[in-house]
């Protein structure tokens, strides 16, 4: 009976591991428009439809008050070649893009 319990425990652990409910991942932006991020060289890039972006990676500018006026860049947004830190969700089908990684 203990052998059966061991087999069931092992199977349960393998199923949970295979589900990849949440996990950190590093990716490289291969295209900014449309957005596509490569996480694994053996798989096709993840398309924009499967990516959720945080404010830290969305391009944003603001108007300058006073002086000569103009605009200032708050966030550049993503461009090809950028390295990003992501959180894998929905059984590995989607990613939340958290931030850029410096030096990438």
N, C-alpha and C. Protein backbone atom coordinates (compact mmCIF):
# COMPACT_ATOMS: atom_id res chain seq x y z
N UNK A 1 0.82 -1.19 0.00
CA UNK A 1 0.00 0.00 0.00
C UNK A 1 0.87 1.26 0.00
N UNK A 2 1.98 1.23 0.73
CA UNK A 2 2.85 2.41 0.78
C UNK A 2 3.48 2.67 -0.58
N UNK A 3 3.67 1.62 -1.39
CA UNK A 3 4.22 1.80 -2.75
C UNK A 3 3.24 2.59 -3.60
N UNK A 4 1.96 2.29 -3.49
CA UNK A 4 0.92 3.00 -4.23
C UNK A 4 0.88 4.47 -3.81
N UNK A 5 0.99 4.73 -2.51
CA UNK A 5 1.00 6.11 -2.01
C UNK A 5 2.20 6.88 -2.57
N UNK A 6 3.33 6.22 -2.66
CA UNK A 6 4.53 6.86 -3.20
C UNK A 6 4.37 7.20 -4.67
N UNK A 7 3.79 6.29 -5.43
CA UNK A 7 3.55 6.53 -6.85
C UNK A 7 2.57 7.69 -7.03
N UNK A 8 1.50 7.71 -6.24
CA UNK A 8 0.52 8.80 -6.33
C UNK A 8 1.14 10.15 -5.97
N UNK A 9 1.98 10.15 -4.95
CA UNK A 9 2.66 11.38 -4.55
C UNK A 9 3.57 11.88 -5.67
N UNK A 10 4.31 10.98 -6.29
CA UNK A 10 5.21 11.35 -7.38
C UNK A 10 4.41 11.90 -8.57
N UNK A 11 3.32 11.25 -8.91
CA UNK A 11 2.48 11.72 -10.01
C UNK A 11 1.91 13.11 -9.73
N UNK A 12 1.46 13.33 -8.50
CA UNK A 12 0.93 14.63 -8.11
C UNK A 12 1.99 15.71 -8.24
N UNK A 13 3.20 15.44 -7.79
CA UNK A 13 4.29 16.41 -7.89
C UNK A 13 4.62 16.72 -9.34
N UNK A 14 4.60 15.73 -10.21
CA UNK A 14 4.89 15.95 -11.63
C UNK A 14 3.80 16.78 -12.30
N UNK A 15 2.55 16.55 -11.93
CA UNK A 15 1.44 17.33 -12.49
C UNK A 15 1.56 18.79 -12.06
N UNK A 16 1.82 19.02 -10.79
CA UNK A 16 1.96 20.39 -10.28
C UNK A 16 3.14 21.09 -10.95
N UNK A 17 4.25 20.41 -11.08
CA UNK A 17 5.43 20.98 -11.74
C UNK A 17 5.11 21.31 -13.20
N UNK A 18 4.40 20.44 -13.87
CA UNK A 18 4.07 20.65 -15.27
C UNK A 18 3.08 21.78 -15.50
N UNK A 19 2.29 22.11 -14.49
CA UNK A 19 1.29 23.16 -14.64
C UNK A 19 1.92 24.55 -14.70
N UNK A 20 3.05 24.74 -14.06
CA UNK A 20 3.74 26.03 -14.06
C UNK A 20 2.76 27.17 -13.82
N UNK A 21 2.09 27.13 -12.69
CA UNK A 21 1.07 28.13 -12.41
C UNK A 21 1.65 29.55 -12.41
N UNK A 22 2.73 29.75 -11.71
CA UNK A 22 3.44 31.03 -11.77
C UNK A 22 4.92 30.74 -11.70
N UNK A 23 5.69 31.54 -12.41
CA UNK A 23 7.13 31.33 -12.44
C UNK A 23 7.76 32.56 -13.07
N UNK A 24 8.94 32.92 -12.60
CA UNK A 24 9.66 34.04 -13.19
C UNK A 24 10.34 33.58 -14.47
N UNK A 25 10.44 34.48 -15.42
CA UNK A 25 11.10 34.18 -16.68
C UNK A 25 11.79 35.45 -17.17
N UNK A 26 12.85 35.26 -17.94
CA UNK A 26 13.55 36.36 -18.59
C UNK A 26 13.32 36.20 -20.08
N UNK A 27 13.02 37.30 -20.74
CA UNK A 27 12.78 37.26 -22.17
C UNK A 27 13.51 38.38 -22.88
N UNK A 28 13.55 38.27 -24.19
CA UNK A 28 14.15 39.30 -25.03
C UNK A 28 13.11 39.78 -26.02
N UNK A 29 12.93 41.09 -26.10
CA UNK A 29 11.98 41.66 -27.05
C UNK A 29 12.56 41.45 -28.45
N UNK A 30 11.82 40.75 -29.30
CA UNK A 30 12.26 40.52 -30.68
C UNK A 30 11.57 41.48 -31.64
N UNK A 31 10.44 42.04 -31.22
CA UNK A 31 9.71 43.00 -32.05
C UNK A 31 8.92 43.91 -31.12
N UNK A 32 8.98 45.23 -31.39
CA UNK A 32 8.23 46.17 -30.56
C UNK A 32 6.82 46.40 -31.09
N UNK A 33 6.64 46.29 -32.40
CA UNK A 33 5.33 46.53 -32.98
C UNK A 33 5.11 45.62 -34.18
N UNK A 34 4.33 44.58 -34.06
CA UNK A 34 3.62 44.15 -32.85
C UNK A 34 4.61 43.55 -31.84
N UNK A 35 4.30 43.70 -30.57
CA UNK A 35 5.18 43.22 -29.51
C UNK A 35 5.27 41.70 -29.53
N UNK A 36 6.49 41.20 -29.47
CA UNK A 36 6.75 39.76 -29.36
C UNK A 36 8.01 39.58 -28.51
N UNK A 37 7.96 38.64 -27.58
CA UNK A 37 9.08 38.42 -26.65
C UNK A 37 9.47 36.95 -26.68
N UNK A 38 10.77 36.71 -26.88
CA UNK A 38 11.33 35.36 -26.92
C UNK A 38 11.77 34.96 -25.51
N UNK A 39 11.24 33.84 -25.01
CA UNK A 39 11.63 33.36 -23.69
C UNK A 39 12.47 32.09 -23.76
N UNK A 40 12.30 31.34 -24.82
CA UNK A 40 12.98 30.07 -24.98
C UNK A 40 13.30 29.90 -26.46
N UNK A 41 14.56 29.68 -26.79
CA UNK A 41 14.95 29.61 -28.20
C UNK A 41 14.34 28.42 -28.93
N UNK A 42 13.83 27.44 -28.20
CA UNK A 42 13.22 26.29 -28.85
C UNK A 42 11.73 26.50 -29.14
N UNK A 43 11.19 27.63 -28.70
CA UNK A 43 9.77 27.94 -28.88
C UNK A 43 9.63 29.23 -29.68
N UNK A 44 8.51 29.41 -30.36
CA UNK A 44 8.29 30.69 -31.07
C UNK A 44 8.11 31.82 -30.05
N UNK A 45 8.36 33.07 -30.46
CA UNK A 45 8.18 34.19 -29.53
C UNK A 45 6.73 34.28 -29.04
N UNK A 46 6.57 34.79 -27.84
CA UNK A 46 5.25 35.00 -27.26
C UNK A 46 4.65 36.26 -27.89
N UNK A 47 3.45 36.15 -28.48
CA UNK A 47 2.85 37.31 -29.15
C UNK A 47 2.22 38.29 -28.15
N UNK A 48 1.96 39.50 -28.64
CA UNK A 48 1.40 40.56 -27.82
C UNK A 48 0.10 40.15 -27.12
N UNK A 49 -0.73 39.36 -27.76
CA UNK A 49 -2.00 38.94 -27.18
C UNK A 49 -1.83 38.14 -25.89
N UNK A 50 -0.67 37.52 -25.69
CA UNK A 50 -0.43 36.71 -24.49
C UNK A 50 0.42 37.46 -23.47
N UNK A 51 0.63 38.77 -23.68
CA UNK A 51 1.47 39.58 -22.79
C UNK A 51 0.63 40.66 -22.12
N UNK A 52 0.80 40.81 -20.81
CA UNK A 52 0.20 41.91 -20.07
C UNK A 52 1.35 42.79 -19.60
N UNK A 53 1.24 44.09 -19.86
CA UNK A 53 2.33 45.02 -19.54
C UNK A 53 2.01 45.81 -18.28
N UNK A 54 3.02 46.01 -17.43
CA UNK A 54 2.88 46.89 -16.28
C UNK A 54 3.26 48.30 -16.71
N UNK A 55 2.93 49.29 -15.88
CA UNK A 55 3.28 50.68 -16.20
C UNK A 55 4.77 50.88 -16.40
N UNK A 56 5.59 50.05 -15.78
CA UNK A 56 7.05 50.21 -15.85
C UNK A 56 7.61 49.95 -17.24
N UNK A 57 6.84 49.32 -18.13
CA UNK A 57 7.36 49.01 -19.47
C UNK A 57 6.53 49.66 -20.59
N UNK A 58 5.55 50.47 -20.23
CA UNK A 58 4.73 51.16 -21.23
C UNK A 58 5.31 52.54 -21.48
N UNK A 59 5.48 52.90 -22.76
CA UNK A 59 6.01 54.22 -23.11
C UNK A 59 5.09 55.31 -22.57
N UNK A 60 5.71 56.32 -21.94
CA UNK A 60 4.92 57.42 -21.38
C UNK A 60 5.73 58.69 -21.37
N UNK A 61 5.10 59.79 -21.77
CA UNK A 61 5.72 61.12 -21.72
C UNK A 61 4.79 62.04 -20.92
N UNK A 62 5.33 63.19 -20.52
CA UNK A 62 4.53 64.17 -19.79
C UNK A 62 4.91 65.56 -20.28
N UNK A 63 3.95 66.46 -20.24
CA UNK A 63 4.21 67.85 -20.61
C UNK A 63 4.95 68.54 -19.48
N UNK A 64 5.93 69.38 -19.87
CA UNK A 64 6.70 70.15 -18.89
C UNK A 64 5.96 71.45 -18.62
N UNK A 65 5.76 71.77 -17.36
CA UNK A 65 5.08 73.00 -16.96
C UNK A 65 6.11 74.11 -16.78
N UNK A 66 5.85 75.27 -17.34
CA UNK A 66 6.73 76.43 -17.18
C UNK A 66 7.96 76.34 -18.07
N UNK A 67 8.82 77.35 -17.98
CA UNK A 67 10.04 77.37 -18.78
C UNK A 67 9.74 77.33 -20.26
N UNK A 68 10.51 76.56 -21.00
CA UNK A 68 10.33 76.44 -22.44
C UNK A 68 9.25 75.44 -22.81
N UNK A 69 8.69 74.76 -21.81
CA UNK A 69 7.64 73.78 -22.08
C UNK A 69 8.21 72.52 -22.69
N UNK A 70 7.46 71.87 -23.55
CA UNK A 70 7.91 70.64 -24.20
C UNK A 70 7.43 69.41 -23.46
N UNK A 71 8.08 68.30 -23.73
CA UNK A 71 7.72 67.05 -23.08
C UNK A 71 8.97 66.36 -22.53
N UNK A 72 8.76 65.50 -21.58
CA UNK A 72 9.84 64.71 -21.01
C UNK A 72 9.42 63.25 -21.04
N UNK A 73 10.37 62.36 -21.33
CA UNK A 73 10.09 60.93 -21.36
C UNK A 73 10.16 60.37 -19.95
N UNK A 74 9.08 59.72 -19.53
CA UNK A 74 9.06 59.08 -18.21
C UNK A 74 9.51 57.64 -18.35
N UNK A 75 8.95 56.92 -19.34
CA UNK A 75 9.35 55.55 -19.67
C UNK A 75 9.50 55.47 -21.17
N UNK A 76 10.59 54.84 -21.63
CA UNK A 76 10.82 54.69 -23.07
C UNK A 76 9.91 53.66 -23.72
N UNK A 77 9.42 52.71 -22.96
CA UNK A 77 8.69 51.60 -23.55
C UNK A 77 9.67 50.52 -23.96
N UNK A 78 9.18 49.51 -24.65
CA UNK A 78 10.02 48.38 -25.04
C UNK A 78 10.48 48.52 -26.48
N UNK A 79 11.71 48.08 -26.73
CA UNK A 79 12.25 48.07 -28.08
C UNK A 79 12.99 46.75 -28.30
N UNK A 80 13.17 46.40 -29.55
CA UNK A 80 13.86 45.15 -29.88
C UNK A 80 15.22 45.10 -29.19
N UNK A 81 15.53 43.95 -28.61
CA UNK A 81 16.80 43.75 -27.92
C UNK A 81 16.71 43.93 -26.41
N UNK A 82 15.65 44.59 -25.91
CA UNK A 82 15.51 44.77 -24.47
C UNK A 82 15.32 43.43 -23.78
N UNK A 83 15.96 43.27 -22.63
CA UNK A 83 15.75 42.10 -21.77
C UNK A 83 14.69 42.49 -20.76
N UNK A 84 13.74 41.58 -20.49
CA UNK A 84 12.66 41.88 -19.57
C UNK A 84 12.47 40.75 -18.56
N UNK A 85 11.99 41.12 -17.39
CA UNK A 85 11.64 40.17 -16.34
C UNK A 85 10.13 39.97 -16.40
N UNK A 86 9.72 38.71 -16.45
CA UNK A 86 8.30 38.41 -16.62
C UNK A 86 7.84 37.39 -15.59
N UNK A 87 6.55 37.37 -15.36
CA UNK A 87 5.91 36.39 -14.50
C UNK A 87 5.02 35.53 -15.38
N UNK A 88 5.28 34.23 -15.38
CA UNK A 88 4.49 33.29 -16.19
C UNK A 88 3.20 32.97 -15.44
N UNK A 89 2.06 33.06 -16.12
CA UNK A 89 0.75 32.79 -15.51
C UNK A 89 -0.10 31.95 -16.45
N UNK A 90 -1.27 31.51 -15.97
CA UNK A 90 -2.22 30.72 -16.75
C UNK A 90 -1.57 29.51 -17.40
N UNK A 91 -0.95 28.69 -16.57
CA UNK A 91 -0.31 27.45 -17.04
C UNK A 91 0.76 27.70 -18.10
N UNK A 92 1.43 28.83 -18.01
CA UNK A 92 2.51 29.14 -18.95
C UNK A 92 2.03 29.68 -20.27
N UNK A 93 0.75 29.97 -20.40
CA UNK A 93 0.22 30.48 -21.67
C UNK A 93 0.33 31.99 -21.79
N UNK A 94 0.40 32.71 -20.68
CA UNK A 94 0.48 34.17 -20.67
C UNK A 94 1.63 34.62 -19.77
N UNK A 95 2.04 35.86 -19.98
CA UNK A 95 3.10 36.46 -19.17
C UNK A 95 2.70 37.87 -18.77
N UNK A 96 3.10 38.27 -17.58
CA UNK A 96 3.01 39.66 -17.15
C UNK A 96 4.43 40.20 -17.25
N UNK A 97 4.63 41.23 -18.07
CA UNK A 97 5.95 41.83 -18.25
C UNK A 97 6.13 42.85 -17.12
N UNK A 98 7.03 42.55 -16.18
CA UNK A 98 7.20 43.35 -14.98
C UNK A 98 8.10 44.56 -15.18
N UNK A 99 9.28 44.34 -15.77
CA UNK A 99 10.24 45.44 -15.93
C UNK A 99 11.34 45.07 -16.90
N UNK A 100 12.08 46.10 -17.30
CA UNK A 100 13.28 45.87 -18.10
C UNK A 100 14.39 45.44 -17.16
N UNK A 101 15.35 44.71 -17.71
CA UNK A 101 16.53 44.32 -16.94
C UNK A 101 17.68 45.15 -17.45
N UNK A 102 18.35 45.85 -16.56
CA UNK A 102 19.48 46.70 -16.95
C UNK A 102 20.58 45.89 -17.59
N UNK A 103 21.23 46.49 -18.55
CA UNK A 103 22.33 45.84 -19.24
C UNK A 103 21.86 44.93 -20.36
N UNK A 104 20.55 44.94 -20.61
CA UNK A 104 20.00 44.05 -21.62
C UNK A 104 19.77 44.68 -22.94
